[in-house]
């Protein structure tokens, strides 16, 4: 298990294959993909597949460098000067801010690739210890006295904001009022002993440090941990309801034009929609939009009712104004944590 966690937290951030020959010396051959915290292993495999395909197609050796951290923290780093060629994030707002605050991408970025520029998706799910000693099956079980819940800080992690949204949507639909939903979220926050900055750090807290009764993170992460650590140690609980977590991607126009990498960066993101890439994404327990790939893997994904931000919160603009912006509801409920 220690080896597994070391692998999760370690390098795996840079994948390089070969050096371009003299005839390619003037052609940019390096991309920087700035991504969310728990996507390290996924993009190591995706990068290897794309590099092989690109080599076969063009004869060109390329390097894809990776940067991983909490999605919101990564967005801030780009606004502060980190020259990403592409971003592969886990929340729409963390991409949108690159337009809103930096004009680094165009306003219509989400329409440039299929499915709102989201090649795969997931949802918040639960990882519990073997035997599920606290009997955790649904969101309401997380606010019971004596239950310790682990998930990262929703101020720095897109992963954690989806947890907040899923819990809020559950409470609002179950109890029927925003006041009761607010009270539910306060109880949930009170049951979290430590707020790490990102999803992988929260995983380390739960698995390596043995803190908490339940880890809330993306379904892909919960299932991967269970498979690697063993079903004798952990169980995955997919609650009856959750929230659709899109994983938006985009070329960062200002920097690909500066670097001369637009064609390579565009091909890289388009590859994420290919059957080969979709099969890799599903292998890592991400849900994909390729119906054939999903049909072959339907046994991996329990049925769940997914709330959409557009339906439950009136869209991302309204959600930001009412919940996620500074001083809005999340700040008020999160308090001094």
C-alpha atoms as a PDB file:
ATOM      1  CA  UNK A   1       0.000   0.000   0.000  1.00  0.00           C
ATOM      2  CA  UNK A   2       2.852   2.370   0.817  1.00  0.00           C
ATOM      3  CA  UNK A   3       4.274   1.622  -2.595  1.00  0.00           C
ATOM      4  CA  UNK A   4       0.923   2.457  -4.167  1.00  0.00           C
ATOM      5  CA  UNK A   5       0.741   5.816  -2.392  1.00  0.00           C
ATOM      6  CA  UNK A   6       4.333   6.590  -3.232  1.00  0.00           C
ATOM      7  CA  UNK A   7       3.498   5.948  -6.869  1.00  0.00           C
ATOM      8  CA  UNK A   8       0.440   8.180  -6.648  1.00  0.00           C
ATOM      9  CA  UNK A   9       2.318  11.070  -5.103  1.00  0.00           C
ATOM     10  CA  UNK A  10       5.587  10.713  -6.964  1.00  0.00           C
ATOM     11  CA  UNK A  11       6.914  11.806 -10.354  1.00  0.00           C
ATOM     12  CA  UNK A  12       4.773  10.435 -13.088  1.00  0.00           C
ATOM     13  CA  UNK A  13       4.448  14.085 -13.973  1.00  0.00           C
ATOM     14  CA  UNK A  14       6.634  14.142 -17.053  1.00  0.00           C
ATOM     15  CA  UNK A  15       6.567  11.739 -19.943  1.00  0.00           C
ATOM     16  CA  UNK A  16       9.228  12.240 -22.576  1.00  0.00           C
ATOM     17  CA  UNK A  17       9.949  10.146 -25.617  1.00  0.00           C
ATOM     18  CA  UNK A  18      12.961  10.769 -27.783  1.00  0.00           C
ATOM     19  CA  UNK A  19      14.463  13.947 -29.153  1.00  0.00           C
ATOM     20  CA  UNK A  20      13.446  15.514 -32.437  1.00  0.00           C
ATOM     21  CA  UNK A  21      15.908  14.984 -35.258  1.00  0.00           C
ATOM     22  CA  UNK A  22      17.649  17.784 -37.153  1.00  0.00           C
ATOM     23  CA  UNK A  23      14.919  18.033 -39.784  1.00  0.00           C
ATOM     24  CA  UNK A  24      12.365  18.772 -37.014  1.00  0.00           C
ATOM     25  CA  UNK A  25      14.491  21.167 -35.033  1.00  0.00           C
ATOM     26  CA  UNK A  26      12.394  24.220 -35.886  1.00  0.00           C
ATOM     27  CA  UNK A  27       9.062  22.503 -35.143  1.00  0.00           C
ATOM     28  CA  UNK A  28       7.790  22.820 -31.556  1.00  0.00           C
ATOM     29  CA  UNK A  29       7.667  19.355 -30.041  1.00  0.00           C
ATOM     30  CA  UNK A  30       6.837  19.999 -26.383  1.00  0.00           C
ATOM     31  CA  UNK A  31       3.486  20.571 -24.696  1.00  0.00           C
ATOM     32  CA  UNK A  32       2.661  21.506 -21.122  1.00  0.00           C
ATOM     33  CA  UNK A  33      -0.617  20.043 -19.891  1.00  0.00           C
ATOM     34  CA  UNK A  34      -1.729  21.693 -16.638  1.00  0.00           C
ATOM     35  CA  UNK A  35      -4.192  19.361 -14.964  1.00  0.00           C
ATOM     36  CA  UNK A  36      -6.088  18.568 -11.773  1.00  0.00           C
ATOM     37  CA  UNK A  37      -4.664  16.835  -8.751  1.00  0.00           C
ATOM     38  CA  UNK A  38      -5.655  13.189  -9.145  1.00  0.00           C
ATOM     39  CA  UNK A  39      -5.150  12.876 -12.914  1.00  0.00           C
ATOM     40  CA  UNK A  40      -1.454  11.953 -12.839  1.00  0.00           C
ATOM     41  CA  UNK A  41      -1.746   8.274 -13.681  1.00  0.00           C
ATOM     42  CA  UNK A  42      -4.501   8.807 -16.243  1.00  0.00           C
ATOM     43  CA  UNK A  43      -2.456  11.264 -18.281  1.00  0.00           C
ATOM     44  CA  UNK A  44       0.719   9.210 -18.077  1.00  0.00           C
ATOM     45  CA  UNK A  45      -1.167   6.513 -19.988  1.00  0.00           C
ATOM     46  CA  UNK A  46      -2.977   8.906 -22.325  1.00  0.00           C
ATOM     47  CA  UNK A  47       0.259  10.724 -23.130  1.00  0.00           C
ATOM     48  CA  UNK A  48       2.038   7.490 -24.004  1.00  0.00           C
ATOM     49  CA  UNK A  49      -0.746   6.524 -26.393  1.00  0.00           C
ATOM     50  CA  UNK A  50      -0.827   9.942 -28.060  1.00  0.00           C
ATOM     51  CA  UNK A  51       2.965  10.121 -28.398  1.00  0.00           C
ATOM     52  CA  UNK A  52       2.958   6.731 -30.128  1.00  0.00           C
ATOM     53  CA  UNK A  53       0.134   7.754 -32.448  1.00  0.00           C
ATOM     54  CA  UNK A  54       1.762  11.095 -33.288  1.00  0.00           C
ATOM     55  CA  UNK A  55       5.062   9.378 -34.057  1.00  0.00           C
ATOM     56  CA  UNK A  56       3.366   6.939 -36.419  1.00  0.00           C
ATOM     57  CA  UNK A  57       1.462   9.743 -38.135  1.00  0.00           C
ATOM     58  CA  UNK A  58       4.216  12.354 -38.451  1.00  0.00           C
ATOM     59  CA  UNK A  59       7.513  10.664 -37.658  1.00  0.00           C
ATOM     60  CA  UNK A  60       7.998  13.279 -34.959  1.00  0.00           C
ATOM     61  CA  UNK A  61       9.102  12.594 -31.389  1.00  0.00           C
ATOM     62  CA  UNK A  62       7.339  14.807 -28.865  1.00  0.00           C
ATOM     63  CA  UNK A  63       7.420  15.506 -25.145  1.00  0.00           C
ATOM     64  CA  UNK A  64       4.357  16.107 -22.983  1.00  0.00           C
ATOM     65  CA  UNK A  65       5.058  17.679 -19.604  1.00  0.00           C
ATOM     66  CA  UNK A  66       2.484  17.496 -16.825  1.00  0.00           C
ATOM     67  CA  UNK A  67       1.650  19.792 -13.917  1.00  0.00           C
ATOM     68  CA  UNK A  68      -0.802  18.633 -11.238  1.00  0.00           C
ATOM     69  CA  UNK A  69      -2.449  20.356  -8.287  1.00  0.00           C
ATOM     70  CA  UNK A  70      -5.895  21.424  -7.140  1.00  0.00           C
ATOM     71  CA  UNK A  71      -7.803  22.615 -10.211  1.00  0.00           C
ATOM     72  CA  UNK A  72      -8.480  26.116  -8.904  1.00  0.00           C
ATOM     73  CA  UNK A  73      -4.898  26.523  -7.756  1.00  0.00           C
ATOM     74  CA  UNK A  74      -3.732  25.502 -11.236  1.00  0.00           C
ATOM     75  CA  UNK A  75      -5.982  28.111 -12.833  1.00  0.00           C
ATOM     76  CA  UNK A  76      -4.500  30.790 -10.586  1.00  0.00           C
ATOM     77  CA  UNK A  77      -0.981  29.673 -11.513  1.00  0.00           C
ATOM     78  CA  UNK A  78      -1.777  30.130 -15.203  1.00  0.00           C
ATOM     79  CA  UNK A  79      -3.220  33.586 -14.568  1.00  0.00           C
ATOM     80  CA  UNK A  80      -0.005  34.372 -12.714  1.00  0.00           C
ATOM     81  CA  UNK A  81       2.181  33.285 -15.631  1.00  0.00           C
ATOM     82  CA  UNK A  82       2.397  29.481 -15.901  1.00  0.00           C
ATOM     83  CA  UNK A  83       2.450  29.012 -19.693  1.00  0.00           C
ATOM     84  CA  UNK A  84       0.174  26.015 -20.207  1.00  0.00           C
ATOM     85  CA  UNK A  85      -0.403  24.883 -23.768  1.00  0.00           C
ATOM     86  CA  UNK A  86      -3.515  22.983 -22.699  1.00  0.00           C
ATOM     87  CA  UNK A  87      -5.545  22.599 -19.541  1.00  0.00           C
ATOM     88  CA  UNK A  88      -7.413  19.450 -18.550  1.00  0.00           C
ATOM     89  CA  UNK A  89      -9.381  20.517 -15.492  1.00  0.00           C
ATOM     90  CA  UNK A  90     -12.209  19.095 -13.402  1.00  0.00           C
ATOM     91  CA  UNK A  91     -14.480  22.117 -13.189  1.00  0.00           C
ATOM     92  CA  UNK A  92     -15.931  24.494 -15.753  1.00  0.00           C
ATOM     93  CA  UNK A  93     -15.306  27.588 -13.638  1.00  0.00           C
ATOM     94  CA  UNK A  94     -11.576  26.902 -13.471  1.00  0.00           C
ATOM     95  CA  UNK A  95     -11.405  27.039 -17.260  1.00  0.00           C
ATOM     96  CA  UNK A  96     -13.828  29.940 -17.580  1.00  0.00           C
ATOM     97  CA  UNK A  97     -11.683  32.097 -15.290  1.00  0.00           C
ATOM     98  CA  UNK A  98      -8.913  31.967 -17.910  1.00  0.00           C
ATOM     99  CA  UNK A  99     -11.241  34.011 -20.117  1.00  0.00           C
ATOM    100  CA  UNK A 100     -12.897  36.096 -17.428  1.00  0.00           C
ATOM    101  CA  UNK A 101      -9.720  37.307 -15.753  1.00  0.00           C
ATOM    102  CA  UNK A 102      -6.997  36.843 -18.311  1.00  0.00           C
ATOM    103  CA  UNK A 103      -8.539  36.666 -21.801  1.00  0.00           C
ATOM    104  CA  UNK A 104      -6.151  33.759 -22.378  1.00  0.00           C
ATOM    105  CA  UNK A 105      -8.862  31.802 -24.208  1.00  0.00           C
ATOM    106  CA  UNK A 106     -11.913  32.923 -26.226  1.00  0.00           C
ATOM    107  CA  UNK A 107     -15.360  33.349 -24.712  1.00  0.00           C
ATOM    108  CA  UNK A 108     -16.719  30.403 -26.712  1.00  0.00           C
ATOM    109  CA  UNK A 109     -14.017  27.939 -25.604  1.00  0.00           C
ATOM    110  CA  UNK A 110     -16.562  25.330 -24.472  1.00  0.00           C
ATOM    111  CA  UNK A 111     -17.998  24.965 -27.984  1.00  0.00           C
ATOM    112  CA  UNK A 112     -14.715  24.102 -29.675  1.00  0.00           C
ATOM    113  CA  UNK A 113     -14.851  20.412 -28.736  1.00  0.00           C
ATOM    114  CA  UNK A 114     -17.779  18.003 -28.219  1.00  0.00           C
ATOM    115  CA  UNK A 115     -19.809  17.679 -25.006  1.00  0.00           C
ATOM    116  CA  UNK A 116     -18.997  21.155 -23.698  1.00  0.00           C
ATOM    117  CA  UNK A 117     -15.315  20.360 -24.287  1.00  0.00           C
ATOM    118  CA  UNK A 118     -15.519  17.525 -21.746  1.00  0.00           C
ATOM    119  CA  UNK A 119     -14.145  14.221 -23.110  1.00  0.00           C
ATOM    120  CA  UNK A 120     -15.127  12.258 -19.989  1.00  0.00           C
ATOM    121  CA  UNK A 121     -17.009  12.818 -16.735  1.00  0.00           C
ATOM    122  CA  UNK A 122     -17.414  11.479 -13.226  1.00  0.00           C
ATOM    123  CA  UNK A 123     -19.271  12.118  -9.975  1.00  0.00           C
ATOM    124  CA  UNK A 124     -18.512  12.335  -6.257  1.00  0.00           C
ATOM    125  CA  UNK A 125     -18.599   8.893  -4.637  1.00  0.00           C
ATOM    126  CA  UNK A 126     -17.590   7.396  -1.282  1.00  0.00           C
ATOM    127  CA  UNK A 127     -14.696   5.157  -0.284  1.00  0.00           C
ATOM    128  CA  UNK A 128     -15.182   3.428   3.073  1.00  0.00           C
ATOM    129  CA  UNK A 129     -13.124   0.954   5.033  1.00  0.00           C
ATOM    130  CA  UNK A 130     -13.784  -2.778   4.659  1.00  0.00           C
ATOM    131  CA  UNK A 131     -17.078  -3.844   6.150  1.00  0.00           C
ATOM    132  CA  UNK A 132     -18.342  -0.252   6.065  1.00  0.00           C
ATOM    133  CA  UNK A 133     -18.350  -0.081   9.897  1.00  0.00           C
ATOM    134  CA  UNK A 134     -20.303   3.199  10.014  1.00  0.00           C
ATOM    135  CA  UNK A 135     -22.963   1.935   7.578  1.00  0.00           C
ATOM    136  CA  UNK A 136     -22.510   4.794   5.100  1.00  0.00           C
ATOM    137  CA  UNK A 137     -24.827   4.462   2.113  1.00  0.00           C
ATOM    138  CA  UNK A 138     -26.074   7.960   1.290  1.00  0.00           C
ATOM    139  CA  UNK A 139     -25.325  11.632   1.886  1.00  0.00           C
ATOM    140  CA  UNK A 140     -27.431  11.829   5.033  1.00  0.00           C
ATOM    141  CA  UNK A 141     -25.157   9.265   6.699  1.00  0.00           C
ATOM    142  CA  UNK A 142     -22.235  11.715   6.454  1.00  0.00           C
ATOM    143  CA  UNK A 143     -23.670  14.141   9.009  1.00  0.00           C
ATOM    144  CA  UNK A 144     -24.295  11.603  11.757  1.00  0.00           C
ATOM    145  CA  UNK A 145     -22.436  12.184  15.021  1.00  0.00           C
ATOM    146  CA  UNK A 146     -19.112  10.382  15.166  1.00  0.00           C
ATOM    147  CA  UNK A 147     -18.649  10.051  11.402  1.00  0.00           C
ATOM    148  CA  UNK A 148     -15.388  11.567  10.156  1.00  0.00           C
ATOM    149  CA  UNK A 149     -15.545  12.657   6.519  1.00  0.00           C
ATOM    150  CA  UNK A 150     -12.483  13.357   4.385  1.00  0.00           C
ATOM    151  CA  UNK A 151     -12.513  15.625   1.344  1.00  0.00           C
ATOM    152  CA  UNK A 152     -10.341  18.582   0.343  1.00  0.00           C
ATOM    153  CA  UNK A 153     -10.863  22.287   0.847  1.00  0.00           C
ATOM    154  CA  UNK A 154     -13.638  23.512  -1.486  1.00  0.00           C
ATOM    155  CA  UNK A 155     -11.866  26.868  -1.737  1.00  0.00           C
ATOM    156  CA  UNK A 156      -8.850  25.313  -3.467  1.00  0.00           C
ATOM    157  CA  UNK A 157     -10.186  22.112  -5.013  1.00  0.00           C
ATOM    158  CA  UNK A 158     -12.668  21.634  -7.833  1.00  0.00           C
ATOM    159  CA  UNK A 159     -13.030  18.061  -6.609  1.00  0.00           C
ATOM    160  CA  UNK A 160     -14.294  19.322  -3.241  1.00  0.00           C
ATOM    161  CA  UNK A 161     -16.643  21.867  -4.806  1.00  0.00           C
ATOM    162  CA  UNK A 162     -18.382  19.028  -6.605  1.00  0.00           C
ATOM    163  CA  UNK A 163     -18.760  17.316  -3.216  1.00  0.00           C
ATOM    164  CA  UNK A 164     -20.303  20.515  -1.871  1.00  0.00           C
ATOM    165  CA  UNK A 165     -22.678  20.748  -4.858  1.00  0.00           C
ATOM    166  CA  UNK A 166     -23.711  17.092  -4.675  1.00  0.00           C
ATOM    167  CA  UNK A 167     -24.379  17.329  -0.933  1.00  0.00           C
ATOM    168  CA  UNK A 168     -26.281  20.592  -1.342  1.00  0.00           C
ATOM    169  CA  UNK A 169     -28.435  19.228  -4.177  1.00  0.00           C
ATOM    170  CA  UNK A 170     -29.203  16.117  -2.121  1.00  0.00           C
ATOM    171  CA  UNK A 171     -30.236  18.136   0.918  1.00  0.00           C
ATOM    172  CA  UNK A 172     -32.294  20.654  -1.011  1.00  0.00           C
ATOM    173  CA  UNK A 173     -34.224  17.909  -2.812  1.00  0.00           C
ATOM    174  CA  UNK A 174     -34.704  15.797   0.306  1.00  0.00           C
ATOM    175  CA  UNK A 175     -35.619  18.504   2.795  1.00  0.00           C
ATOM    176  CA  UNK A 176     -37.250  20.989   0.451  1.00  0.00           C
ATOM    177  CA  UNK A 177     -35.682  24.297   1.472  1.00  0.00           C
ATOM    178  CA  UNK A 178     -32.413  26.173   1.139  1.00  0.00           C
ATOM    179  CA  UNK A 179     -32.398  26.810   4.893  1.00  0.00           C
ATOM    180  CA  UNK A 180     -32.357  23.067   5.625  1.00  0.00           C
ATOM    181  CA  UNK A 181     -29.773  22.525   2.893  1.00  0.00           C
ATOM    182  CA  UNK A 182     -27.572  25.203   4.503  1.00  0.00           C
ATOM    183  CA  UNK A 183     -27.886  23.501   7.882  1.00  0.00           C
ATOM    184  CA  UNK A 184     -27.006  20.145   6.320  1.00  0.00           C
ATOM    185  CA  UNK A 185     -23.824  21.543   4.751  1.00  0.00           C
ATOM    186  CA  UNK A 186     -22.749  23.082   8.063  1.00  0.00           C
ATOM    187  CA  UNK A 187     -23.093  19.688   9.727  1.00  0.00           C
ATOM    188  CA  UNK A 188     -21.121  18.069   6.919  1.00  0.00           C
ATOM    189  CA  UNK A 189     -18.261  20.569   7.216  1.00  0.00           C
ATOM    190  CA  UNK A 190     -18.235  20.067  10.980  1.00  0.00           C
ATOM    191  CA  UNK A 191     -17.580  16.338  10.453  1.00  0.00           C
ATOM    192  CA  UNK A 192     -14.400  16.981   8.406  1.00  0.00           C
ATOM    193  CA  UNK A 193     -11.340  16.824  10.700  1.00  0.00           C
ATOM    194  CA  UNK A 194      -8.873  18.252   8.166  1.00  0.00           C
ATOM    195  CA  UNK A 195      -9.216  20.044   4.843  1.00  0.00           C
ATOM    196  CA  UNK A 196      -6.337  19.265   2.470  1.00  0.00           C
ATOM    197  CA  UNK A 197      -5.684  21.520  -0.521  1.00  0.00           C
ATOM    198  CA  UNK A 198      -6.351  18.904  -3.207  1.00  0.00           C
ATOM    199  CA  UNK A 199      -7.901  15.534  -3.929  1.00  0.00           C
ATOM    200  CA  UNK A 200      -4.700  13.512  -3.865  1.00  0.00           C
ATOM    201  CA  UNK A 201      -3.678  14.969  -0.498  1.00  0.00           C
ATOM    202  CA  UNK A 202      -7.097  14.014   0.886  1.00  0.00           C
ATOM    203  CA  UNK A 203      -6.613  10.486  -0.444  1.00  0.00           C
ATOM    204  CA  UNK A 204      -3.267  10.315   1.365  1.00  0.00           C
ATOM    205  CA  UNK A 205      -4.905  11.504   4.590  1.00  0.00           C
ATOM    206  CA  UNK A 206      -7.537   8.775   4.370  1.00  0.00           C
ATOM    207  CA  UNK A 207      -5.405   5.896   3.107  1.00  0.00           C
ATOM    208  CA  UNK A 208      -1.896   6.428   4.388  1.00  0.00           C
ATOM    209  CA  UNK A 209      -2.646   8.269   7.623  1.00  0.00           C
ATOM    210  CA  UNK A 210      -5.748   6.232   8.389  1.00  0.00           C
ATOM    211  CA  UNK A 211      -7.816   9.326   9.194  1.00  0.00           C
ATOM    212  CA  UNK A 212     -11.570   9.307   8.706  1.00  0.00           C
ATOM    213  CA  UNK A 213     -14.414   6.870   8.091  1.00  0.00           C
ATOM    214  CA  UNK A 214     -15.205   7.885   4.513  1.00  0.00           C
ATOM    215  CA  UNK A 215     -13.339   9.601   1.690  1.00  0.00           C
ATOM    216  CA  UNK A 216     -15.375  11.597  -0.818  1.00  0.00           C
ATOM    217  CA  UNK A 217     -13.710  11.985  -4.181  1.00  0.00           C
ATOM    218  CA  UNK A 218     -14.380  11.260  -7.820  1.00  0.00           C
ATOM    219  CA  UNK A 219     -15.677   7.773  -8.573  1.00  0.00           C
ATOM    220  CA  UNK A 220     -12.561   7.140 -10.666  1.00  0.00           C
ATOM    221  CA  UNK A 221     -10.317   7.689  -7.649  1.00  0.00           C
ATOM    222  CA  UNK A 222     -12.394   5.587  -5.249  1.00  0.00           C
ATOM    223  CA  UNK A 223     -12.474   2.602  -7.590  1.00  0.00           C
ATOM    224  CA  UNK A 224      -8.782   2.823  -8.434  1.00  0.00           C
ATOM    225  CA  UNK A 225      -7.815   2.851  -4.752  1.00  0.00           C
ATOM    226  CA  UNK A 226     -10.048  -0.138  -4.037  1.00  0.00           C
ATOM    227  CA  UNK A 227      -8.529  -2.114  -6.905  1.00  0.00           C
ATOM    228  CA  UNK A 228      -4.941  -1.302  -5.983  1.00  0.00           C
ATOM    229  CA  UNK A 229      -5.263  -1.675  -2.216  1.00  0.00           C
ATOM    230  CA  UNK A 230      -7.677  -4.575  -2.245  1.00  0.00           C
ATOM    231  CA  UNK A 231     -11.361  -5.170  -1.620  1.00  0.00           C
ATOM    232  CA  UNK A 232     -10.383  -6.579   1.755  1.00  0.00           C
ATOM    233  CA  UNK A 233      -9.397  -3.052   2.801  1.00  0.00           C
ATOM    234  CA  UNK A 234     -11.863  -0.692   1.085  1.00  0.00           C
ATOM    235  CA  UNK A 235     -15.323  -0.584  -0.447  1.00  0.00           C
ATOM    236  CA  UNK A 236     -16.751   1.887  -2.967  1.00  0.00           C
ATOM    237  CA  UNK A 237     -20.189   3.312  -2.262  1.00  0.00           C
ATOM    238  CA  UNK A 238     -21.885   5.151  -5.114  1.00  0.00           C
ATOM    239  CA  UNK A 239     -24.756   7.093  -3.504  1.00  0.00           C
ATOM    240  CA  UNK A 240     -28.190   7.036  -5.162  1.00  0.00           C
ATOM    241  CA  UNK A 241     -27.758  10.676  -6.212  1.00  0.00           C
ATOM    242  CA  UNK A 242     -24.727  12.760  -7.043  1.00  0.00           C
ATOM    243  CA  UNK A 243     -23.766  15.647  -9.296  1.00  0.00           C
ATOM    244  CA  UNK A 244     -22.419  15.475 -12.839  1.00  0.00           C
ATOM    245  CA  UNK A 245     -18.743  16.412 -12.756  1.00  0.00           C
ATOM    246  CA  UNK A 246     -17.543  17.463 -16.188  1.00  0.00           C
ATOM    247  CA  UNK A 247     -13.825  17.477 -16.986  1.00  0.00           C
ATOM    248  CA  UNK A 248     -13.379  20.379 -19.422  1.00  0.00           C
ATOM    249  CA  UNK A 249     -10.306  20.801 -21.602  1.00  0.00           C
ATOM    250  CA  UNK A 250      -9.047  23.594 -23.808  1.00  0.00           C
ATOM    251  CA  UNK A 251      -6.084  24.917 -25.703  1.00  0.00           C
ATOM    252  CA  UNK A 252      -4.719  28.029 -23.973  1.00  0.00           C
ATOM    253  CA  UNK A 253      -4.682  30.273 -27.016  1.00  0.00           C
ATOM    254  CA  UNK A 254      -2.309  32.958 -25.787  1.00  0.00           C
ATOM    255  CA  UNK A 255       0.413  30.441 -25.002  1.00  0.00           C
ATOM    256  CA  UNK A 256       0.048  28.029 -27.930  1.00  0.00           C
ATOM    257  CA  UNK A 257       0.345  30.995 -30.273  1.00  0.00           C
ATOM    258  CA  UNK A 258       3.423  32.182 -28.374  1.00  0.00           C
ATOM    259  CA  UNK A 259       4.961  28.691 -28.428  1.00  0.00           C
ATOM    260  CA  UNK A 260       3.855  27.741 -31.957  1.00  0.00           C
ATOM    261  CA  UNK A 261       2.123  24.630 -30.607  1.00  0.00           C
ATOM    262  CA  UNK A 262      -1.502  25.188 -31.627  1.00  0.00           C
ATOM    263  CA  UNK A 263      -1.679  22.295 -34.120  1.00  0.00           C
ATOM    264  CA  UNK A 264      -0.022  19.829 -31.742  1.00  0.00           C
ATOM    265  CA  UNK A 265      -2.113  20.977 -28.757  1.00  0.00           C
ATOM    266  CA  UNK A 266      -5.347  20.754 -30.737  1.00  0.00           C
ATOM    267  CA  UNK A 267      -4.526  17.257 -31.963  1.00  0.00           C
ATOM    268  CA  UNK A 268      -3.730  16.208 -28.395  1.00  0.00           C
ATOM    269  CA  UNK A 269      -7.114  17.323 -27.059  1.00  0.00           C
ATOM    270  CA  UNK A 270      -8.989  15.837 -30.028  1.00  0.00           C
ATOM    271  CA  UNK A 271      -7.246  12.539 -29.300  1.00  0.00           C
ATOM    272  CA  UNK A 272      -8.964  12.440 -25.871  1.00  0.00           C
ATOM    273  CA  UNK A 273     -12.249  11.779 -27.715  1.00  0.00           C
ATOM    274  CA  UNK A 274     -10.890   8.902 -29.807  1.00  0.00           C
ATOM    275  CA  UNK A 275     -11.986   5.303 -29.093  1.00  0.00           C
ATOM    276  CA  UNK A 276      -8.430   4.488 -27.983  1.00  0.00           C
ATOM    277  CA  UNK A 277      -8.328   7.320 -25.459  1.00  0.00           C
ATOM    278  CA  UNK A 278     -11.900   6.723 -24.301  1.00  0.00           C
ATOM    279  CA  UNK A 279     -10.993   3.103 -23.537  1.00  0.00           C
ATOM    280  CA  UNK A 280      -8.048   4.323 -21.420  1.00  0.00           C
ATOM    281  CA  UNK A 281     -10.304   6.805 -19.609  1.00  0.00           C
ATOM    282  CA  UNK A 282     -12.865   4.085 -18.853  1.00  0.00           C
ATOM    283  CA  UNK A 283     -10.145   1.744 -17.625  1.00  0.00           C
ATOM    284  CA  UNK A 284      -9.456   4.393 -14.994  1.00  0.00           C
ATOM    285  CA  UNK A 285     -13.170   4.386 -14.043  1.00  0.00           C
ATOM    286  CA  UNK A 286     -14.025   7.644 -15.781  1.00  0.00           C
ATOM    287  CA  UNK A 287     -17.385   7.641 -17.538  1.00  0.00           C
ATOM    288  CA  UNK A 288     -17.199   8.571 -21.234  1.00  0.00           C
ATOM    289  CA  UNK A 289     -19.567   9.665 -23.957  1.00  0.00           C
ATOM    290  CA  UNK A 290     -18.580   6.972 -26.478  1.00  0.00           C
ATOM    291  CA  UNK A 291     -21.616   4.698 -26.289  1.00  0.00           C
ATOM    292  CA  UNK A 292     -19.793   1.631 -27.586  1.00  0.00           C
ATOM    293  CA  UNK A 293     -17.004   1.994 -25.034  1.00  0.00           C
ATOM    294  CA  UNK A 294     -19.502   2.474 -22.212  1.00  0.00           C
ATOM    295  CA  UNK A 295     -21.587  -0.487 -23.353  1.00  0.00           C
ATOM    296  CA  UNK A 296     -18.528  -2.737 -23.094  1.00  0.00           C
ATOM    297  CA  UNK A 297     -17.878  -1.486 -19.565  1.00  0.00           C
ATOM    298  CA  UNK A 298     -21.390  -1.041 -18.165  1.00  0.00           C
ATOM    299  CA  UNK A 299     -20.723  -3.420 -15.267  1.00  0.00           C
ATOM    300  CA  UNK A 300     -18.109  -1.006 -13.881  1.00  0.00           C
ATOM    301  CA  UNK A 301     -20.579   1.822 -13.335  1.00  0.00           C
ATOM    302  CA  UNK A 302     -23.576   1.594 -10.985  1.00  0.00           C
ATOM    303  CA  UNK A 303     -26.713   3.496 -11.893  1.00  0.00           C
ATOM    304  CA  UNK A 304     -26.962   6.887 -10.214  1.00  0.00           C
ATOM    305  CA  UNK A 305     -29.196   9.896 -10.605  1.00  0.00           C
ATOM    306  CA  UNK A 306     -26.947  12.775 -11.614  1.00  0.00           C
ATOM    307  CA  UNK A 307     -27.959  16.341 -10.847  1.00  0.00           C
ATOM    308  CA  UNK A 308     -26.755  18.890 -13.388  1.00  0.00           C
ATOM    309  CA  UNK A 309     -25.509  22.338 -12.469  1.00  0.00           C
ATOM    310  CA  UNK A 310     -27.817  23.828 -15.102  1.00  0.00           C
ATOM    311  CA  UNK A 311     -30.908  22.196 -13.609  1.00  0.00           C
ATOM    312  CA  UNK A 312     -30.175  22.397  -9.869  1.00  0.00           C
ATOM    313  CA  UNK A 313     -28.285  25.680  -9.649  1.00  0.00           C
ATOM    314  CA  UNK A 314     -29.404  27.620 -12.731  1.00  0.00           C
ATOM    315  CA  UNK A 315     -26.099  27.323 -14.595  1.00  0.00           C
ATOM    316  CA  UNK A 316     -22.524  28.208 -13.752  1.00  0.00           C
ATOM    317  CA  UNK A 317     -22.962  31.990 -13.761  1.00  0.00           C
ATOM    318  CA  UNK A 318     -25.790  31.852 -11.241  1.00  0.00           C
ATOM    319  CA  UNK A 319     -23.988  29.179  -9.239  1.00  0.00           C
ATOM    320  CA  UNK A 320     -20.894  31.357  -8.989  1.00  0.00           C
ATOM    321  CA  UNK A 321     -22.869  34.400  -7.911  1.00  0.00           C
ATOM    322  CA  UNK A 322     -24.930  32.576  -5.290  1.00  0.00           C
ATOM    323  CA  UNK A 323     -22.495  29.922  -4.032  1.00  0.00           C
ATOM    324  CA  UNK A 324     -18.872  30.051  -5.170  1.00  0.00           C
ATOM    325  CA  UNK A 325     -17.777  33.689  -5.452  1.00  0.00           C
ATOM    326  CA  UNK A 326     -16.021  35.389  -2.558  1.00  0.00           C
ATOM    327  CA  UNK A 327     -18.532  36.160   0.171  1.00  0.00           C
ATOM    328  CA  UNK A 328     -21.240  33.925  -1.347  1.00  0.00           C
ATOM    329  CA  UNK A 329     -22.902  30.934   0.301  1.00  0.00           C
ATOM    330  CA  UNK A 330     -19.918  28.572   0.311  1.00  0.00           C
ATOM    331  CA  UNK A 331     -17.833  31.182   2.130  1.00  0.00           C
ATOM    332  CA  UNK A 332     -20.616  31.765   4.634  1.00  0.00           C
ATOM    333  CA  UNK A 333     -21.161  28.055   5.355  1.00  0.00           C
ATOM    334  CA  UNK A 334     -17.465  27.198   5.340  1.00  0.00           C
ATOM    335  CA  UNK A 335     -16.822  29.873   7.908  1.00  0.00           C
ATOM    336  CA  UNK A 336     -13.345  30.136   9.393  1.00  0.00           C
ATOM    337  CA  UNK A 337     -12.156  26.707   8.228  1.00  0.00           C
END
